[in-house]
Protein backbone atom coordinates (compact mmCIF):
# COMPACT_ATOMS: atom_id res chain seq x y z
CA MET A 1 1.28 -10.09 -6.01
CA THR A 2 3.50 -11.89 -3.54
CA ASP A 3 3.87 -11.28 0.16
CA ASP A 4 7.56 -10.47 -0.43
CA LEU A 5 6.60 -7.60 -2.73
CA HIS A 6 4.34 -6.11 -0.10
CA LEU A 7 7.26 -6.18 2.33
CA GLN A 8 9.28 -4.19 -0.20
CA THR A 9 6.84 -1.42 -0.92
CA ASP A 10 3.83 -1.29 1.36
CA ILE A 11 2.99 0.17 4.74
CA PHE A 12 2.63 -2.31 7.57
CA GLU A 13 2.33 -2.50 11.31
CA PRO A 14 5.77 -3.46 12.70
CA SER A 15 5.92 -6.62 14.75
CA GLU A 16 8.61 -8.65 16.46
CA SER A 17 8.28 -11.36 13.79
CA LEU A 18 9.17 -8.89 11.05
CA ILE A 19 11.85 -6.88 12.83
CA PRO A 20 14.72 -8.96 14.27
CA ALA A 21 16.94 -7.95 17.15
CA ALA A 22 20.02 -6.07 16.02
CA PRO A 23 23.40 -7.77 16.51
CA PRO A 24 26.07 -6.24 18.78
CA GLY A 25 27.67 -3.14 17.28
CA PHE A 26 24.83 -2.63 14.80
CA LYS A 27 24.15 1.01 13.85
CA SER A 28 21.00 2.73 12.62
CA GLY A 29 19.62 6.19 12.02
CA PHE A 30 17.97 8.68 9.71
CA VAL A 31 19.89 10.55 7.00
CA GLY A 32 18.31 13.62 5.37
CA ILE A 33 19.26 14.12 1.72
CA ILE A 34 19.30 17.90 1.35
CA GLY A 35 20.27 20.19 -1.52
CA ARG A 36 19.09 22.65 -4.10
CA PRO A 37 16.82 21.45 -6.94
CA ASN A 38 18.06 19.02 -9.58
CA VAL A 39 21.35 17.97 -7.98
CA GLY A 40 20.44 14.28 -8.16
CA LYS A 41 19.02 13.55 -4.70
CA SER A 42 16.35 11.11 -5.87
CA THR A 43 18.72 9.33 -8.27
CA LEU A 44 21.13 8.93 -5.37
CA MET A 45 18.56 7.41 -3.04
CA ASN A 46 17.36 5.00 -5.73
CA GLN A 47 20.96 3.85 -6.24
CA LEU A 48 21.63 3.42 -2.54
CA VAL A 49 18.53 1.34 -1.80
CA GLY A 50 18.84 -0.60 -5.06
CA GLN A 51 15.31 0.02 -6.28
CA LYS A 52 13.41 2.83 -7.94
CA ILE A 53 11.21 4.42 -5.30
CA ALA A 54 11.76 8.13 -6.01
CA ILE A 55 11.04 9.69 -9.39
CA THR A 56 13.80 11.36 -11.37
CA SER A 57 13.51 13.96 -14.10
CA PRO A 58 15.66 16.57 -15.90
CA VAL A 59 13.10 19.10 -14.65
CA ALA A 60 13.89 20.62 -11.25
CA GLN A 61 11.55 20.23 -8.25
CA THR A 62 10.33 16.71 -8.95
CA THR A 63 10.38 15.49 -5.34
CA ARG A 64 7.39 16.60 -3.27
CA ASN A 65 6.67 14.28 -0.37
CA ARG A 66 9.32 13.36 2.16
CA LEU A 67 10.12 9.93 0.82
CA GLN A 68 11.95 7.45 3.03
CA GLY A 69 14.25 4.89 1.45
CA ILE A 70 15.74 2.14 3.58
CA LEU A 71 19.20 0.60 3.13
CA THR A 72 20.04 -2.35 5.37
CA THR A 73 23.55 -3.84 5.44
CA PRO A 74 25.14 -6.32 7.86
CA GLU A 75 26.55 -3.33 9.77
CA ALA A 76 23.73 -0.80 9.73
CA GLN A 77 20.25 0.29 8.72
CA ILE A 78 20.21 3.72 7.09
CA ILE A 79 16.83 5.39 6.56
CA PHE A 80 17.17 8.05 3.87
CA VAL A 81 14.74 10.97 3.90
CA ASP A 82 14.59 12.42 0.37
CA THR A 83 13.42 16.03 0.44
CA PRO A 84 12.33 18.63 -2.11
CA GLY A 85 15.09 20.83 -3.49
CA ILE A 86 15.46 23.86 -1.25
CA HIS A 87 14.55 27.04 -3.12
CA LYS A 88 12.66 30.29 -2.64
CA PRO A 89 8.95 29.32 -2.70
CA HIS A 90 6.55 31.04 -5.10
CA HIS A 91 3.23 29.44 -4.09
CA GLN A 92 1.56 27.55 -1.25
CA LEU A 93 2.87 24.20 -2.50
CA GLY A 94 6.39 25.60 -2.66
CA GLN A 95 6.11 26.86 0.92
CA VAL A 96 4.98 23.42 2.11
CA LEU A 97 7.84 21.69 0.27
CA VAL A 98 10.57 23.97 1.60
CA LYS A 99 9.12 23.90 5.12
CA ASN A 100 9.21 20.10 5.04
CA ALA A 101 12.84 20.15 3.93
CA GLN A 102 13.71 22.48 6.81
CA ILE A 103 11.91 20.20 9.28
CA ALA A 104 13.86 17.23 7.89
CA ILE A 105 17.14 19.00 8.69
CA GLU A 106 16.11 19.25 12.34
CA SER A 107 14.69 15.74 12.68
CA VAL A 108 17.38 13.47 11.19
CA ASP A 109 20.58 12.12 12.72
CA VAL A 110 22.84 13.14 9.81
CA VAL A 111 22.40 15.50 6.86
CA LEU A 112 23.81 14.52 3.48
CA PHE A 113 24.15 17.87 1.70
CA VAL A 114 24.21 16.97 -2.00
CA VAL A 115 25.71 19.44 -4.49
CA ASP A 116 26.32 19.44 -8.24
CA GLY A 117 30.02 18.65 -8.68
CA SER A 118 30.01 19.64 -12.35
CA VAL A 119 29.91 23.34 -11.39
CA GLU A 120 31.44 25.46 -8.64
CA VAL A 121 29.64 26.41 -5.42
CA GLY A 122 26.76 28.76 -6.23
CA GLY A 123 24.34 31.05 -4.45
CA GLY A 124 21.79 28.26 -4.04
CA ASP A 125 24.35 26.11 -2.25
CA ARG A 126 25.22 28.98 0.09
CA TYR A 127 21.51 29.47 0.84
CA VAL A 128 21.23 25.80 1.83
CA THR A 129 24.43 26.12 3.86
CA ASP A 130 22.92 28.98 5.88
CA LEU A 131 19.89 26.80 6.68
CA LEU A 132 22.11 23.92 7.76
CA LEU A 133 24.13 26.17 10.05
CA GLN A 134 20.94 27.05 11.94
CA ALA A 135 20.66 23.40 13.01
CA LYS A 136 23.12 21.31 15.02
CA THR A 137 22.76 18.20 12.85
CA PRO A 138 26.07 16.70 11.61
CA VAL A 139 26.63 17.31 7.88
CA ILE A 140 28.37 15.31 5.17
CA LEU A 141 28.99 17.25 1.95
CA GLY A 142 28.23 14.95 -0.98
CA ILE A 143 29.78 16.04 -4.30
CA ASN A 144 27.52 14.40 -6.90
CA LYS A 145 27.90 14.22 -10.70
CA ALA A 146 31.60 13.36 -10.58
CA ASP A 147 31.10 11.73 -13.98
CA GLN A 148 30.10 15.10 -15.46
CA GLN A 149 33.09 17.08 -14.24
CA PRO A 150 35.27 18.79 -16.90
CA ALA A 151 38.81 17.53 -17.53
CA ASP A 152 40.20 20.29 -15.33
CA ALA A 153 37.99 20.30 -12.24
CA GLN A 154 40.52 21.77 -9.84
CA ALA A 155 38.64 25.04 -9.35
CA ILE A 156 35.35 23.18 -8.81
CA ASP A 157 36.85 20.78 -6.27
CA GLN A 158 38.60 23.63 -4.48
CA SER A 159 35.35 25.60 -4.11
CA TYR A 160 33.71 22.66 -2.34
CA ALA A 161 36.82 21.86 -0.30
CA GLU A 162 36.73 25.42 1.01
CA LEU A 163 33.01 25.13 1.83
CA ALA A 164 33.52 21.84 3.69
CA GLY A 165 36.65 23.10 5.45
CA ALA A 166 34.99 26.28 6.67
CA HIS A 167 32.41 24.24 8.58
CA GLU A 168 34.49 21.11 9.33
CA TRP A 169 32.25 18.93 7.17
CA THR A 170 33.37 15.54 5.84
CA MET A 171 33.41 15.58 2.02
CA VAL A 172 32.74 12.64 -0.32
CA LYS A 173 32.75 12.72 -4.13
CA PHE A 174 30.60 10.30 -6.11
CA SER A 175 28.30 9.77 -9.10
CA ALA A 176 24.72 8.76 -8.34
CA LEU A 177 24.28 7.94 -12.03
CA THR A 178 27.17 5.50 -12.42
CA GLY A 179 27.53 4.40 -8.79
CA THR A 180 31.17 5.46 -8.56
CA GLY A 181 32.14 6.39 -5.00
CA LEU A 182 28.88 5.21 -3.41
CA ASP A 183 30.68 2.52 -1.38
CA THR A 184 32.79 5.23 0.23
CA LEU A 185 29.70 7.35 0.83
CA GLN A 186 27.87 4.44 2.44
CA THR A 187 30.83 3.73 4.73
CA THR A 188 31.09 7.41 5.70
CA LEU A 189 27.38 7.58 6.53
CA THR A 190 27.57 4.41 8.62
CA GLU A 191 30.50 5.82 10.59
CA GLN A 192 28.38 8.87 11.51
CA LEU A 193 25.54 6.81 12.98
CA GLU A 194 25.15 5.71 16.59
CA PRO A 195 24.49 2.11 17.70
CA GLY A 196 20.81 1.35 17.31
CA PRO A 197 18.08 -1.17 16.46
CA TYR A 198 16.40 -2.20 13.23
CA TYR A 199 13.64 0.35 12.64
CA TYR A 200 12.20 -1.66 9.74
CA PRO A 201 12.38 -5.26 8.49
CA PRO A 202 15.74 -5.81 6.74
CA ASN A 203 14.17 -6.42 3.31
CA LEU A 204 12.02 -3.27 3.27
CA VAL A 205 13.20 -0.50 0.91
CA THR A 206 10.57 2.20 1.56
CA ASP A 207 7.90 3.11 4.06
CA GLN A 208 5.65 4.61 1.39
CA PRO A 209 2.44 2.83 0.34
CA GLU A 210 2.46 1.13 -3.04
CA ARG A 211 -0.24 3.48 -4.38
CA PHE A 212 1.97 6.48 -3.68
CA ILE A 213 4.80 4.93 -5.72
CA MET A 214 2.37 4.21 -8.58
CA GLY A 215 1.25 7.84 -8.62
CA GLU A 216 4.84 9.06 -8.60
CA LEU A 217 5.73 6.82 -11.55
CA ILE A 218 2.85 8.32 -13.54
CA ARG A 219 3.89 11.86 -12.60
CA GLU A 220 7.47 11.10 -13.62
CA GLN A 221 6.38 10.24 -17.18
CA ILE A 222 4.37 13.46 -17.41
CA LEU A 223 7.47 15.46 -16.45
CA LEU A 224 9.65 13.52 -18.89
CA LEU A 225 7.28 13.65 -21.86
CA THR A 226 5.80 17.15 -21.54
CA ARG A 227 8.89 18.86 -20.06
CA GLU A 228 8.42 22.62 -19.79
CA GLU A 229 4.95 22.61 -21.38
CA VAL A 230 3.33 21.32 -18.20
CA PRO A 231 5.50 22.33 -15.24
CA HIS A 232 4.54 21.24 -11.73
CA SER A 233 0.82 21.90 -11.88
CA VAL A 234 0.19 18.15 -11.80
CA ALA A 235 -1.08 15.91 -9.00
CA ILE A 236 -1.92 12.23 -9.33
CA ALA A 237 -4.73 10.44 -7.52
CA ILE A 238 -4.83 6.63 -7.65
CA ASP A 239 -8.58 6.05 -7.64
CA ARG A 240 -8.67 2.28 -7.73
CA VAL A 241 -6.36 -0.75 -7.72
CA ASP A 242 -7.78 -4.21 -8.42
CA GLU A 243 -5.30 -7.06 -8.00
CA GLU A 244 -6.36 -10.07 -10.07
CA PRO A 245 -4.38 -13.33 -10.47
CA GLU A 246 -3.17 -12.46 -13.98
CA ILE A 247 -3.22 -8.66 -14.00
CA THR A 248 -3.33 -5.54 -11.79
CA ARG A 249 -5.93 -2.99 -12.94
CA ILE A 250 -5.28 0.64 -11.99
CA LEU A 251 -7.50 3.69 -12.47
CA ALA A 252 -5.84 7.06 -11.88
CA THR A 253 -6.73 10.74 -12.33
CA ILE A 254 -4.24 13.39 -13.44
CA HIS A 255 -5.18 16.73 -11.87
CA VAL A 256 -4.01 19.95 -13.58
CA GLU A 257 -4.73 23.63 -12.97
CA ARG A 258 -5.78 24.86 -16.43
CA ASP A 259 -7.69 23.64 -19.50
CA SER A 260 -4.61 24.32 -21.64
CA GLN A 261 -2.59 21.90 -19.52
CA LYS A 262 -5.31 19.29 -19.87
CA GLY A 263 -5.09 19.68 -23.65
CA ILE A 264 -1.32 19.21 -23.60
CA ILE A 265 -1.51 16.09 -21.46
CA ILE A 266 -4.23 14.54 -23.62
CA GLY A 267 -2.52 15.54 -26.87
CA LYS A 268 -3.83 15.34 -30.41
CA GLY A 269 -6.26 12.47 -30.62
CA GLY A 270 -5.19 11.36 -27.15
CA SER A 271 -1.63 10.65 -28.33
CA MET A 272 0.18 12.21 -25.36
CA LEU A 273 -2.03 10.56 -22.74
CA LYS A 274 -1.49 7.23 -24.49
CA ALA A 275 2.30 7.74 -24.42
CA ILE A 276 2.23 8.71 -20.74
CA GLY A 277 0.09 5.70 -19.88
CA SER A 278 2.25 3.28 -21.87
CA ALA A 279 5.52 4.47 -20.31
CA ALA A 280 4.07 4.59 -16.78
CA ARG A 281 2.55 1.13 -17.18
CA GLN A 282 5.97 -0.32 -18.02
CA GLN A 283 7.46 1.18 -14.85
CA ILE A 284 4.57 0.05 -12.65
CA GLN A 285 4.88 -3.49 -14.04
CA LYS A 286 8.41 -3.58 -12.62
CA LEU A 287 7.01 -2.48 -9.26
CA VAL A 288 4.26 -5.13 -9.07
CA MET A 289 6.23 -7.78 -10.96
CA GLY A 290 3.34 -8.60 -13.28
CA LYS A 291 1.03 -7.33 -16.01
CA VAL A 292 -0.72 -4.00 -15.48
CA TYR A 293 -3.78 -2.39 -17.06
CA LEU A 294 -3.59 1.37 -16.50
CA GLU A 295 -6.45 3.75 -17.30
CA LEU A 296 -5.82 7.49 -16.95
CA PHE A 297 -8.26 10.39 -16.68
CA VAL A 298 -7.45 14.12 -16.73
CA LYS A 299 -9.31 16.63 -14.56
CA VAL A 300 -8.91 20.40 -14.13
CA GLN A 301 -8.60 21.65 -10.54
CA PRO A 302 -8.00 25.43 -10.79
CA LYS A 303 -5.22 26.79 -8.53
CA TRP A 304 -4.92 23.58 -6.52
CA ARG A 305 -1.35 24.46 -5.51
CA GLN A 306 -2.67 27.60 -3.75
CA SER A 307 -5.35 25.71 -1.81
CA ARG A 308 -4.56 24.13 1.54
CA THR A 309 -7.63 21.92 1.14
CA ARG A 310 -6.56 20.62 -2.27
CA LEU A 311 -2.96 20.16 -1.12
CA ALA A 312 -4.19 18.04 1.78
CA GLU A 313 -6.43 16.00 -0.56
CA PHE A 314 -3.44 15.22 -2.76
CA GLY A 315 -1.26 14.31 0.22
CA TYR A 316 0.87 17.45 0.56
CA ARG A 317 0.96 18.45 4.21
CA VAL A 318 3.55 20.13 6.34
CA GLU A 319 5.35 17.36 8.22
CA THR A 320 5.26 17.42 12.00
């Protein structure tokens, strides 16, 4: 693995040699990507930073940790904070996720409120709006999924125009999937930021450790391949990473809550676990830019989402 790759994906101690002085007029700041579940927040951040660092899935509630993606241009450095979809929590994990999203609203410089532009404003969007109004953070309303709008989208566009107008929010329409409109979004975000320094080296795209990204890529394949059979009762622990000259060897454990979920993940004759491992290995190889040997184990941890101790072990803590 090269030193350049570590700069892209690993945690480091900032130093003057890594972080240059910002030129005159340079802007920087933190942008919280907020919205209800499954509106495309993670896809958007991946597009903006130009690299896959957040997992995406057709299943709602895929984002758990507050993941920071970093976009550096000649004019600005934008640090995106991707948050869990805001929803009514049903368990301890859900409470942690929503609490972290609420904290993000208060702690960033600008909120990018992402909505699903293929449908009109709904109750979930109004719930998020109420949370945003409790804070004084500037808001940009991002209308995602422009590529999925029906031929006659006048009523949809009008519903969001009214929402933005009522609160004097700037509105930008785009497609995170195709990239259409993202240049305008990037310009709009930059305009909202204040002059500031580089917070991270210009070539860094995330502040998350490489092991975290590996675990997320494994969890993504579980969500994609098992769909509704195994919902969000899954946590990934990267037990060991051995970097050899020709190959990176990774041992990881998939934690589930019930024996039935373990059976689904393993599959008949181990077929599902093999499929998950094969697909995850291909994604991780892109991350490390080399060959990967991935060995997966499955372990039952009953009710881990209800346990503060287990949540902490798997890295899910309320942000401070």
